All heavy atoms as atom14 arrays in JSON, in Angstrom:
{
  "sequence": "GSLRLSCAASGSIFSLYVMGWYRQAPGKQRELVAAITSGGST",
  "atom14_mask": [
    [1, 1, 1, 1, 0, 0, 0, 0, 0, 0, 0, 0, 0, 0],
    [1, 1, 1, 1, 1, 1, 0, 0, 0, 0, 0, 0, 0, 0],
    [1, 1, 1, 1, 1, 1, 1, 1, 0, 0, 0, 0, 0, 0],
    [1, 1, 1, 1, 1, 1, 1, 1, 1, 1, 1, 0, 0, 0],
    [1, 1, 1, 1, 1, 1, 1, 1, 0, 0, 0, 0, 0, 0],
    [1, 1, 1, 1, 1, 1, 0, 0, 0, 0, 0, 0, 0, 0],
    [1, 1, 1, 1, 1, 1, 0, 0, 0, 0, 0, 0, 0, 0],
    [1, 1, 1, 1, 1, 0, 0, 0, 0, 0, 0, 0, 0, 0],
    [1, 1, 1, 1, 1, 0, 0, 0, 0, 0, 0, 0, 0, 0],
    [1, 1, 1, 1, 1, 1, 0, 0, 0, 0, 0, 0, 0, 0],
    [1, 1, 1, 1, 0, 0, 0, 0, 0, 0, 0, 0, 0, 0],
    [1, 1, 1, 1, 1, 1, 0, 0, 0, 0, 0, 0, 0, 0],
    [1, 1, 1, 1, 1, 1, 1, 1, 0, 0, 0, 0, 0, 0],
    [1, 1, 1, 1, 1, 1, 1, 1, 1, 1, 1, 0, 0, 0],
    [1, 1, 1, 1, 1, 1, 0, 0, 0, 0, 0, 0, 0, 0],
    [1, 1, 1, 1, 1, 1, 1, 1, 0, 0, 0, 0, 0, 0],
    [1, 1, 1, 1, 1, 1, 1, 1, 1, 1, 1, 1, 0, 0],
    [1, 1, 1, 1, 1, 1, 1, 0, 0, 0, 0, 0, 0, 0],
    [1, 1, 1, 1, 1, 1, 1, 1, 0, 0, 0, 0, 0, 0],
    [1, 1, 1, 1, 0, 0, 0, 0, 0, 0, 0, 0, 0, 0],
    [1, 1, 1, 1, 1, 1, 1, 1, 1, 1, 1, 1, 1, 1],
    [1, 1, 1, 1, 1, 1, 1, 1, 1, 1, 1, 1, 0, 0],
    [1, 1, 1, 1, 1, 1, 1, 1, 1, 1, 1, 0, 0, 0],
    [1, 1, 1, 1, 1, 1, 1, 1, 1, 0, 0, 0, 0, 0],
    [1, 1, 1, 1, 1, 0, 0, 0, 0, 0, 0, 0, 0, 0],
    [1, 1, 1, 1, 1, 1, 1, 0, 0, 0, 0, 0, 0, 0],
    [1, 1, 1, 1, 0, 0, 0, 0, 0, 0, 0, 0, 0, 0],
    [1, 1, 1, 1, 1, 1, 1, 1, 1, 0, 0, 0, 0, 0],
    [1, 1, 1, 1, 1, 1, 1, 1, 1, 0, 0, 0, 0, 0],
    [1, 1, 1, 1, 1, 1, 1, 1, 1, 1, 1, 0, 0, 0],
    [1, 1, 1, 1, 1, 1, 1, 1, 1, 0, 0, 0, 0, 0],
    [1, 1, 1, 1, 1, 1, 1, 1, 0, 0, 0, 0, 0, 0],
    [1, 1, 1, 1, 1, 1, 1, 0, 0, 0, 0, 0, 0, 0],
    [1, 1, 1, 1, 1, 0, 0, 0, 0, 0, 0, 0, 0, 0],
    [1, 1, 1, 1, 1, 0, 0, 0, 0, 0, 0, 0, 0, 0],
    [1, 1, 1, 1, 1, 1, 1, 1, 0, 0, 0, 0, 0, 0],
    [1, 1, 1, 1, 1, 1, 1, 0, 0, 0, 0, 0, 0, 0],
    [1, 1, 1, 1, 1, 1, 0, 0, 0, 0, 0, 0, 0, 0],
    [1, 1, 1, 1, 0, 0, 0, 0, 0, 0, 0, 0, 0, 0],
    [1, 1, 1, 1, 0, 0, 0, 0, 0, 0, 0, 0, 0, 0],
    [1, 1, 1, 1, 1, 1, 0, 0, 0, 0, 0, 0, 0, 0],
    [1, 1, 1, 1, 1, 1, 1, 0, 0, 0, 0, 0, 0, 0]
  ],
  "atom14_positions": [
    [[2.84, 35.88, 2.09], [2.24, 35.67, 3.34], [2.25, 34.24, 3.83], [2.83, 33.41, 3.19], [0.0, 0.0, 0.0], [0.0, 0.0, 0.0], [0.0, 0.0, 0.0], [0.0, 0.0, 0.0], [0.0, 0.0, 0.0], [0.0, 0.0, 0.0], [0.0, 0.0, 0.0], [0.0, 0.0, 0.0], [0.0, 0.0, 0.0], [0.0, 0.0, 0.0]],
    [[1.6, 34.03, 5.02], [1.59, 32.72, 5.71], [0.21, 32.35, 5.99], [-0.66, 33.22, 6.27], [2.48, 32.74, 6.98], [3.83, 33.06, 6.57], [0.0, 0.0, 0.0], [0.0, 0.0, 0.0], [0.0, 0.0, 0.0], [0.0, 0.0, 0.0], [0.0, 0.0, 0.0], [0.0, 0.0, 0.0], [0.0, 0.0, 0.0], [0.0, 0.0, 0.0]],
    [[0.01, 31.06, 6.07], [-1.23, 30.44, 6.63], [-0.88, 29.15, 7.29], [0.1, 28.51, 6.93], [-2.16, 30.15, 5.51], [-3.05, 31.29, 4.81], [-3.89, 30.73, 3.68], [-3.98, 31.89, 5.89], [0.0, 0.0, 0.0], [0.0, 0.0, 0.0], [0.0, 0.0, 0.0], [0.0, 0.0, 0.0], [0.0, 0.0, 0.0], [0.0, 0.0, 0.0]],
    [[-1.79, 28.74, 8.22], [-1.57, 27.46, 8.96], [-2.86, 26.74, 8.76], [-3.94, 27.16, 9.28], [-1.13, 27.55, 10.27], [-0.81, 26.21, 10.91], [-0.29, 26.25, 12.3], [-1.33, 26.27, 13.4], [-1.26, 25.86, 14.59], [-0.07, 25.35, 15.01], [-2.21, 25.92, 15.47], [0.0, 0.0, 0.0], [0.0, 0.0, 0.0], [0.0, 0.0, 0.0]],
    [[-2.87, 25.59, 8.11], [-3.92, 24.72, 7.92], [-3.95, 23.71, 9.15], [-2.85, 23.29, 9.47], [-3.97, 24.01, 6.68], [-3.84, 24.8, 5.36], [-3.93, 23.93, 4.24], [-4.9, 25.97, 5.39], [0.0, 0.0, 0.0], [0.0, 0.0, 0.0], [0.0, 0.0, 0.0], [0.0, 0.0, 0.0], [0.0, 0.0, 0.0], [0.0, 0.0, 0.0]],
    [[-5.13, 23.34, 9.63], [-5.28, 22.27, 10.57], [-6.28, 21.3, 10.04], [-7.25, 21.6, 9.34], [-5.79, 22.97, 11.93], [-4.99, 23.87, 12.4], [0.0, 0.0, 0.0], [0.0, 0.0, 0.0], [0.0, 0.0, 0.0], [0.0, 0.0, 0.0], [0.0, 0.0, 0.0], [0.0, 0.0, 0.0], [0.0, 0.0, 0.0], [0.0, 0.0, 0.0]],
    [[-6.08, 20.08, 10.59], [-6.95, 18.9, 10.18], [-7.17, 18.1, 11.43], [-6.26, 17.5, 11.97], [-6.3, 18.1, 9.11], [-7.27, 16.67, 8.76], [0.0, 0.0, 0.0], [0.0, 0.0, 0.0], [0.0, 0.0, 0.0], [0.0, 0.0, 0.0], [0.0, 0.0, 0.0], [0.0, 0.0, 0.0], [0.0, 0.0, 0.0], [0.0, 0.0, 0.0]],
    [[-8.37, 18.12, 11.89], [-8.74, 17.39, 13.1], [-9.47, 16.04, 12.71], [-10.35, 16.1, 11.84], [-9.73, 18.19, 13.97], [0.0, 0.0, 0.0], [0.0, 0.0, 0.0], [0.0, 0.0, 0.0], [0.0, 0.0, 0.0], [0.0, 0.0, 0.0], [0.0, 0.0, 0.0], [0.0, 0.0, 0.0], [0.0, 0.0, 0.0], [0.0, 0.0, 0.0]],
    [[-8.94, 14.99, 13.28], [-9.41, 13.63, 12.89], [-10.14, 13.07, 14.14], [-9.83, 13.17, 15.28], [-8.17, 12.78, 12.65], [0.0, 0.0, 0.0], [0.0, 0.0, 0.0], [0.0, 0.0, 0.0], [0.0, 0.0, 0.0], [0.0, 0.0, 0.0], [0.0, 0.0, 0.0], [0.0, 0.0, 0.0], [0.0, 0.0, 0.0], [0.0, 0.0, 0.0]],
    [[-11.2, 12.29, 13.71], [-11.88, 11.42, 14.79], [-11.17, 10.17, 14.93], [-10.4, 9.79, 14.08], [-13.36, 11.33, 14.28], [-13.43, 10.48, 13.08], [0.0, 0.0, 0.0], [0.0, 0.0, 0.0], [0.0, 0.0, 0.0], [0.0, 0.0, 0.0], [0.0, 0.0, 0.0], [0.0, 0.0, 0.0], [0.0, 0.0, 0.0], [0.0, 0.0, 0.0]],
    [[-11.59, 9.38, 15.95], [-11.03, 8.08, 16.09], [-9.84, 8.01, 17.12], [-9.37, 8.95, 17.46], [0.0, 0.0, 0.0], [0.0, 0.0, 0.0], [0.0, 0.0, 0.0], [0.0, 0.0, 0.0], [0.0, 0.0, 0.0], [0.0, 0.0, 0.0], [0.0, 0.0, 0.0], [0.0, 0.0, 0.0], [0.0, 0.0, 0.0], [0.0, 0.0, 0.0]],
    [[-9.6, 6.77, 17.53], [-8.67, 6.51, 18.65], [-7.36, 6.1, 18.19], [-6.41, 5.93, 18.97], [-9.22, 5.58, 19.63], [-9.5, 4.41, 19.03], [0.0, 0.0, 0.0], [0.0, 0.0, 0.0], [0.0, 0.0, 0.0], [0.0, 0.0, 0.0], [0.0, 0.0, 0.0], [0.0, 0.0, 0.0], [0.0, 0.0, 0.0], [0.0, 0.0, 0.0]],
    [[-7.19, 5.85, 16.87], [-5.88, 5.4, 16.41], [-5.15, 6.36, 15.44], [-4.43, 5.92, 14.54], [-6.08, 3.99, 15.68], [-6.99, 4.03, 14.48], [-6.46, 2.96, 16.66], [-7.04, 2.83, 13.62], [0.0, 0.0, 0.0], [0.0, 0.0, 0.0], [0.0, 0.0, 0.0], [0.0, 0.0, 0.0], [0.0, 0.0, 0.0], [0.0, 0.0, 0.0]],
    [[-5.37, 7.6, 15.62], [-4.9, 8.61, 14.87], [-3.37, 8.53, 14.67], [-2.81, 8.63, 13.62], [-5.19, 9.97, 15.37], [-4.49, 11.16, 14.72], [-5.02, 11.67, 13.53], [-3.33, 11.77, 15.3], [-4.38, 12.68, 12.89], [-2.7, 12.77, 14.66], [-3.21, 13.31, 13.41], [0.0, 0.0, 0.0], [0.0, 0.0, 0.0], [0.0, 0.0, 0.0]],
    [[-2.7, 8.11, 15.81], [-1.24, 8.13, 15.82], [-0.7, 6.99, 14.89], [0.5, 7.06, 14.52], [-0.72, 7.75, 17.28], [-1.18, 6.47, 17.67], [0.0, 0.0, 0.0], [0.0, 0.0, 0.0], [0.0, 0.0, 0.0], [0.0, 0.0, 0.0], [0.0, 0.0, 0.0], [0.0, 0.0, 0.0], [0.0, 0.0, 0.0], [0.0, 0.0, 0.0]],
    [[-1.48, 6.07, 14.44], [-0.99, 5.02, 13.52], [-1.13, 5.46, 12.02], [-0.47, 4.79, 11.16], [-1.9, 3.74, 13.65], [-1.97, 3.19, 15.05], [-2.78, 1.89, 15.09], [-0.47, 2.89, 15.53], [0.0, 0.0, 0.0], [0.0, 0.0, 0.0], [0.0, 0.0, 0.0], [0.0, 0.0, 0.0], [0.0, 0.0, 0.0], [0.0, 0.0, 0.0]],
    [[-1.91, 6.48, 11.78], [-2.04, 6.91, 10.42], [-0.86, 7.72, 9.84], [-0.23, 8.51, 10.54], [-3.28, 7.81, 10.2], [-4.54, 7.11, 10.4], [-5.15, 6.96, 11.63], [-5.25, 6.65, 9.31], [-6.34, 6.25, 11.82], [-6.41, 5.96, 9.41], [-7.0, 5.76, 10.65], [-8.18, 5.07, 10.83], [0.0, 0.0, 0.0], [0.0, 0.0, 0.0]],
    [[-0.63, 7.48, 8.54], [0.19, 8.42, 7.82], [-0.7, 9.51, 7.37], [-1.79, 9.25, 6.7], [0.86, 7.75, 6.52], [1.63, 8.83, 5.69], [1.78, 6.61, 6.98], [0.0, 0.0, 0.0], [0.0, 0.0, 0.0], [0.0, 0.0, 0.0], [0.0, 0.0, 0.0], [0.0, 0.0, 0.0], [0.0, 0.0, 0.0], [0.0, 0.0, 0.0]],
    [[-0.41, 10.78, 7.71], [-1.23, 11.88, 7.5], [-0.53, 12.72, 6.33], [0.63, 12.91, 6.28], [-1.47, 12.82, 8.7], [-2.08, 12.07, 9.87], [-3.74, 11.48, 9.51], [-4.6, 13.04, 9.07], [0.0, 0.0, 0.0], [0.0, 0.0, 0.0], [0.0, 0.0, 0.0], [0.0, 0.0, 0.0], [0.0, 0.0, 0.0], [0.0, 0.0, 0.0]],
    [[-1.45, 13.22, 5.55], [-0.97, 14.04, 4.38], [-1.78, 15.15, 3.99], [-2.99, 15.28, 4.37], [0.0, 0.0, 0.0], [0.0, 0.0, 0.0], [0.0, 0.0, 0.0], [0.0, 0.0, 0.0], [0.0, 0.0, 0.0], [0.0, 0.0, 0.0], [0.0, 0.0, 0.0], [0.0, 0.0, 0.0], [0.0, 0.0, 0.0], [0.0, 0.0, 0.0]],
    [[-1.21, 16.17, 3.33], [-1.87, 17.26, 2.75], [-1.69, 17.16, 1.28], [-0.56, 17.11, 0.77], [-1.37, 18.55, 3.22], [-1.71, 18.9, 4.64], [-1.04, 18.77, 5.79], [-2.95, 19.48, 5.12], [-1.7, 19.1, 6.85], [-2.94, 19.57, 6.45], [-4.19, 19.87, 4.44], [-3.94, 20.15, 7.26], [-5.22, 20.43, 5.2], [-5.1, 20.59, 6.53]],
    [[-2.87, 17.2, 0.61], [-2.84, 17.26, -0.89], [-3.48, 18.52, -1.34], [-4.23, 19.26, -0.61], [-3.69, 16.08, -1.49], [-3.05, 14.79, -1.38], [-2.95, 14.1, -0.09], [-2.53, 14.02, -2.39], [-2.32, 12.9, 0.0], [-1.99, 12.73, -2.29], [-1.88, 12.19, -1.04], [-1.26, 10.97, -0.92], [0.0, 0.0, 0.0], [0.0, 0.0, 0.0]],
    [[-3.22, 18.95, -2.57], [-3.96, 20.07, -3.11], [-4.39, 19.83, -4.52], [-3.76, 19.06, -5.36], [-3.04, 21.36, -3.06], [-1.79, 21.4, -3.93], [-1.03, 22.57, -3.6], [0.22, 22.59, -4.4], [1.23, 23.48, -4.29], [1.15, 24.43, -3.27], [2.31, 23.36, -5.11], [0.0, 0.0, 0.0], [0.0, 0.0, 0.0], [0.0, 0.0, 0.0]],
    [[-5.46, 20.56, -4.98], [-5.89, 20.53, -6.35], [-6.26, 21.89, -6.84], [-7.15, 22.51, -6.2], [-7.1, 19.58, -6.41], [-7.54, 19.32, -7.88], [-8.51, 18.14, -7.94], [-9.16, 17.72, -6.96], [-8.6, 17.55, -9.16], [0.0, 0.0, 0.0], [0.0, 0.0, 0.0], [0.0, 0.0, 0.0], [0.0, 0.0, 0.0], [0.0, 0.0, 0.0]],
    [[-5.55, 22.33, -7.9], [-5.87, 23.62, -8.52], [-6.74, 23.39, -9.69], [-6.91, 22.25, -10.18], [-4.5, 24.21, -8.94], [0.0, 0.0, 0.0], [0.0, 0.0, 0.0], [0.0, 0.0, 0.0], [0.0, 0.0, 0.0], [0.0, 0.0, 0.0], [0.0, 0.0, 0.0], [0.0, 0.0, 0.0], [0.0, 0.0, 0.0], [0.0, 0.0, 0.0]],
    [[-7.51, 24.41, -10.0], [-8.47, 24.25, -11.12], [-7.83, 23.75, -12.44], [-6.75, 24.25, -12.78], [-8.95, 25.7, -11.32], [-8.81, 26.37, -10.07], [-7.56, 25.75, -9.46], [0.0, 0.0, 0.0], [0.0, 0.0, 0.0], [0.0, 0.0, 0.0], [0.0, 0.0, 0.0], [0.0, 0.0, 0.0], [0.0, 0.0, 0.0], [0.0, 0.0, 0.0]],
    [[-8.44, 22.69, -12.92], [-7.82, 22.13, -14.2], [-6.63, 21.19, -14.04], [-6.08, 20.76, -14.94], [0.0, 0.0, 0.0], [0.0, 0.0, 0.0], [0.0, 0.0, 0.0], [0.0, 0.0, 0.0], [0.0, 0.0, 0.0], [0.0, 0.0, 0.0], [0.0, 0.0, 0.0], [0.0, 0.0, 0.0], [0.0, 0.0, 0.0], [0.0, 0.0, 0.0]],
    [[-6.22, 20.9, -12.74], [-5.08, 20.12, -12.47], [-5.42, 18.93, -11.64], [-6.47, 18.94, -10.97], [-4.05, 20.95, -11.92], [-3.41, 22.07, -12.67], [-2.27, 22.73, -12.05], [-1.6, 23.75, -12.93], [-0.42, 24.43, -12.31], [0.0, 0.0, 0.0], [0.0, 0.0, 0.0], [0.0, 0.0, 0.0], [0.0, 0.0, 0.0], [0.0, 0.0, 0.0]],
    [[-4.58, 17.96, -11.64], [-4.73, 16.79, -10.9], [-4.33, 17.08, -9.44], [-3.56, 17.95, -9.16], [-3.93, 15.6, -11.43], [-4.41, 15.0, -12.74], [-3.7, 13.8, -13.04], [-2.54, 13.54, -12.61], [-4.25, 12.87, -13.82], [0.0, 0.0, 0.0], [0.0, 0.0, 0.0], [0.0, 0.0, 0.0], [0.0, 0.0, 0.0], [0.0, 0.0, 0.0]],
    [[-5.01, 16.25, -8.53], [-4.7, 16.43, -7.11], [-3.25, 15.94, -6.85], [-2.81, 14.9, -7.47], [-5.64, 15.64, -6.21], [-5.59, 15.83, -4.75], [-6.6, 15.13, -4.05], [-7.91, 15.68, -4.39], [-9.01, 15.31, -3.74], [-9.0, 14.51, -2.72], [-10.2, 15.78, -4.15], [0.0, 0.0, 0.0], [0.0, 0.0, 0.0], [0.0, 0.0, 0.0]],
    [[-2.5, 16.72, -6.07], [-1.08, 16.33, -5.88], [-0.73, 16.35, -4.39], [-1.31, 17.1, -3.68], [-0.17, 17.35, -6.65], [-0.21, 18.79, -6.21], [0.78, 19.7, -6.83], [1.66, 19.31, -7.58], [0.76, 20.87, -6.5], [0.0, 0.0, 0.0], [0.0, 0.0, 0.0], [0.0, 0.0, 0.0], [0.0, 0.0, 0.0], [0.0, 0.0, 0.0]],
    [[0.26, 15.53, -4.1], [0.66, 15.41, -2.7], [1.54, 16.71, -2.43], [2.45, 17.04, -3.18], [1.55, 14.2, -2.41], [2.14, 14.03, -1.07], [1.2, 13.88, 0.0], [3.13, 12.95, -0.94], [0.0, 0.0, 0.0], [0.0, 0.0, 0.0], [0.0, 0.0, 0.0], [0.0, 0.0, 0.0], [0.0, 0.0, 0.0], [0.0, 0.0, 0.0]],
    [[1.26, 17.3, -1.27], [2.03, 18.49, -0.86], [3.01, 18.08, 0.23], [4.21, 18.4, 0.14], [1.13, 19.64, -0.32], [1.97, 20.73, 0.24], [0.21, 20.07, -1.39], [0.0, 0.0, 0.0], [0.0, 0.0, 0.0], [0.0, 0.0, 0.0], [0.0, 0.0, 0.0], [0.0, 0.0, 0.0], [0.0, 0.0, 0.0], [0.0, 0.0, 0.0]],
    [[2.5, 17.34, 1.25], [3.46, 16.95, 2.31], [2.8, 15.73, 3.03], [1.6, 15.73, 3.06], [3.66, 18.11, 3.3], [0.0, 0.0, 0.0], [0.0, 0.0, 0.0], [0.0, 0.0, 0.0], [0.0, 0.0, 0.0], [0.0, 0.0, 0.0], [0.0, 0.0, 0.0], [0.0, 0.0, 0.0], [0.0, 0.0, 0.0], [0.0, 0.0, 0.0]],
    [[3.67, 14.97, 3.65], [3.16, 13.83, 4.46], [3.99, 13.59, 5.63], [5.18, 13.94, 5.64], [3.06, 12.52, 3.52], [0.0, 0.0, 0.0], [0.0, 0.0, 0.0], [0.0, 0.0, 0.0], [0.0, 0.0, 0.0], [0.0, 0.0, 0.0], [0.0, 0.0, 0.0], [0.0, 0.0, 0.0], [0.0, 0.0, 0.0], [0.0, 0.0, 0.0]],
    [[3.42, 12.94, 6.63], [4.04, 12.7, 7.96], [3.7, 11.4, 8.36], [2.49, 11.01, 8.45], [3.95, 13.81, 8.97], [4.69, 13.51, 10.19], [2.4, 13.94, 9.28], [4.82, 14.77, 11.13], [0.0, 0.0, 0.0], [0.0, 0.0, 0.0], [0.0, 0.0, 0.0], [0.0, 0.0, 0.0], [0.0, 0.0, 0.0], [0.0, 0.0, 0.0]],
    [[4.64, 10.5, 8.76], [4.32, 9.24, 9.2], [3.98, 9.15, 10.71], [4.17, 10.2, 11.34], [5.5, 8.22, 8.98], [6.62, 8.64, 9.88], [6.01, 8.25, 7.5], [0.0, 0.0, 0.0], [0.0, 0.0, 0.0], [0.0, 0.0, 0.0], [0.0, 0.0, 0.0], [0.0, 0.0, 0.0], [0.0, 0.0, 0.0], [0.0, 0.0, 0.0]],
    [[3.56, 8.05, 11.24], [3.32, 7.88, 12.71], [4.57, 8.19, 13.48], [4.44, 8.67, 14.6], [2.8, 6.49, 12.94], [3.75, 5.57, 12.54], [0.0, 0.0, 0.0], [0.0, 0.0, 0.0], [0.0, 0.0, 0.0], [0.0, 0.0, 0.0], [0.0, 0.0, 0.0], [0.0, 0.0, 0.0], [0.0, 0.0, 0.0], [0.0, 0.0, 0.0]],
    [[5.8, 7.97, 12.9], [6.97, 8.23, 13.67], [7.55, 9.6, 13.42], [8.59, 9.92, 13.97], [0.0, 0.0, 0.0], [0.0, 0.0, 0.0], [0.0, 0.0, 0.0], [0.0, 0.0, 0.0], [0.0, 0.0, 0.0], [0.0, 0.0, 0.0], [0.0, 0.0, 0.0], [0.0, 0.0, 0.0], [0.0, 0.0, 0.0], [0.0, 0.0, 0.0]],
    [[6.88, 10.36, 12.63], [7.28, 11.79, 12.44], [8.11, 12.01, 11.29], [8.59, 13.2, 11.04], [0.0, 0.0, 0.0], [0.0, 0.0, 0.0], [0.0, 0.0, 0.0], [0.0, 0.0, 0.0], [0.0, 0.0, 0.0], [0.0, 0.0, 0.0], [0.0, 0.0, 0.0], [0.0, 0.0, 0.0], [0.0, 0.0, 0.0], [0.0, 0.0, 0.0]],
    [[8.43, 11.04, 10.42], [9.17, 11.3, 9.16], [8.32, 12.1, 8.25], [7.09, 11.76, 8.08], [9.57, 10.03, 8.55], [10.51, 9.31, 9.41], [0.0, 0.0, 0.0], [0.0, 0.0, 0.0], [0.0, 0.0, 0.0], [0.0, 0.0, 0.0], [0.0, 0.0, 0.0], [0.0, 0.0, 0.0], [0.0, 0.0, 0.0], [0.0, 0.0, 0.0]],
    [[8.91, 12.98, 7.5], [8.17, 13.85, 6.61], [8.73, 13.74, 5.17], [9.91, 13.42, 4.97], [8.22, 15.27, 7.05], [9.57, 15.73, 7.17], [7.56, 15.45, 8.39], [0.0, 0.0, 0.0], [0.0, 0.0, 0.0], [0.0, 0.0, 0.0], [0.0, 0.0, 0.0], [0.0, 0.0, 0.0], [0.0, 0.0, 0.0], [0.0, 0.0, 0.0]]
  ]
}
């Protein structure tokens, strides 16, 4: 199946941030899933 996660951010300089999604499963370390730069590189 499919899901779409959303993350809404406060502040006026959102476009400058590198945004990422991480995940943590039980008993495991948090890991990077995906990231996107201010310029759109992923």
